């Protein structure tokens, strides 16, 4: 079973991965999602887990659904487990 901190870390890492894929900055993600830059910055600086509504806004801006996001994380976990 996964620890709460592991889940937080995976969520933050995967958002960062999606940002890097698109060559987006924290500013760009915040602007596209319509949320304060400080809110997005705090996710990465403090490692705080986003609320579900915030995560939904961020993912919508990145062009991915919540289900797709968590499916990607699940697939990554499955691949790492099989290594």
Protein backbone atom coordinates (compact mmCIF):
# COMPACT_ATOMS: atom_id res chain seq x y z
CA UNK A 1 0.00 0.00 0.00
CA UNK A 2 1.24 3.45 -0.89
CA UNK A 3 2.03 6.03 1.75
CA UNK A 4 0.28 9.40 1.59
CA UNK A 5 3.60 11.18 1.01
CA UNK A 6 4.38 8.85 -1.91
CA UNK A 7 1.10 9.78 -3.56
CA UNK A 8 1.76 13.51 -3.05
CA UNK A 9 5.23 13.15 -4.51
CA UNK A 10 3.94 11.23 -7.52
CA UNK A 11 1.22 13.80 -8.21
CA UNK A 12 3.70 16.67 -8.05
CA UNK A 13 6.31 14.82 -10.13
CA UNK A 14 3.79 13.95 -12.82
CA UNK A 15 2.51 17.54 -13.05
CA UNK A 16 6.15 18.65 -13.42
CA UNK A 17 6.71 16.00 -16.10
CA UNK A 18 3.69 17.26 -18.06
CA UNK A 19 4.93 20.83 -17.71
CA UNK A 20 8.41 19.85 -18.91
CA UNK A 21 6.92 17.99 -21.86
CA UNK A 22 5.23 21.20 -22.94
CA UNK A 23 8.17 23.45 -21.95
CA UNK A 24 5.85 25.31 -19.57
CA UNK A 25 6.94 27.38 -16.61
CA UNK A 26 5.08 27.67 -13.32
CA UNK A 27 3.89 31.06 -14.54
CA UNK A 28 2.50 29.59 -17.77
CA UNK A 29 0.68 26.79 -15.96
CA UNK A 30 -0.84 29.22 -13.46
CA UNK A 31 -1.93 31.59 -16.22
CA UNK A 32 -3.46 28.82 -18.36
CA UNK A 33 -5.22 27.29 -15.34
CA UNK A 34 -6.48 30.65 -14.09
CA UNK A 35 -4.97 30.28 -10.63
CA UNK A 36 -2.48 32.46 -8.72
CA UNK A 37 1.16 31.78 -9.52
CA UNK A 38 1.84 31.54 -5.77
CA UNK A 39 -0.59 28.61 -5.55
CA UNK A 40 1.24 26.66 -8.24
CA UNK A 41 4.65 27.69 -6.90
CA UNK A 42 3.76 26.41 -3.45
CA UNK A 43 3.00 22.97 -4.87
CA UNK A 44 6.58 22.61 -6.01
CA UNK A 45 8.40 24.60 -3.34
CA UNK A 46 6.59 23.17 -0.34
CA UNK A 47 5.62 19.81 -1.81
CA UNK A 48 2.01 20.31 -0.83
CA UNK A 49 -0.56 18.14 -2.52
CA UNK A 50 -3.09 20.08 -4.59
CA UNK A 51 -6.78 19.89 -3.79
CA UNK A 52 -8.87 17.98 -6.29
CA UNK A 53 -10.44 21.16 -7.75
CA UNK A 54 -6.99 22.73 -8.17
CA UNK A 55 -5.55 19.57 -9.73
CA UNK A 56 -8.51 19.49 -12.12
CA UNK A 57 -7.81 23.08 -13.23
CA UNK A 58 -4.11 22.38 -13.71
CA UNK A 59 -4.74 19.22 -15.70
CA UNK A 60 -7.41 20.87 -17.79
CA UNK A 61 -4.87 23.56 -18.70
CA UNK A 62 -2.38 20.82 -19.58
CA UNK A 63 -4.97 19.07 -21.72
CA UNK A 64 -5.30 15.88 -19.69
CA UNK A 65 -8.20 14.43 -17.72
CA UNK A 66 -8.04 13.40 -14.09
CA UNK A 67 -8.59 9.78 -15.09
CA UNK A 68 -5.84 9.98 -17.70
CA UNK A 69 -3.48 11.57 -15.19
CA UNK A 70 -3.98 8.85 -12.59
CA UNK A 71 -3.88 6.12 -15.25
CA UNK A 72 -0.45 7.42 -16.28
CA UNK A 73 0.74 7.30 -12.66
CA UNK A 74 -0.67 3.79 -12.23
CA UNK A 75 1.07 2.62 -15.41
CA UNK A 76 4.35 4.14 -14.26
CA UNK A 77 4.03 2.33 -10.92
CA UNK A 78 3.26 -0.95 -12.66
CA UNK A 79 6.31 -0.59 -14.93
CA UNK A 80 8.59 0.25 -12.02
CA UNK A 81 7.29 -2.73 -10.06
CA UNK A 82 8.14 -5.06 -12.96
CA UNK A 83 11.74 -3.83 -13.26
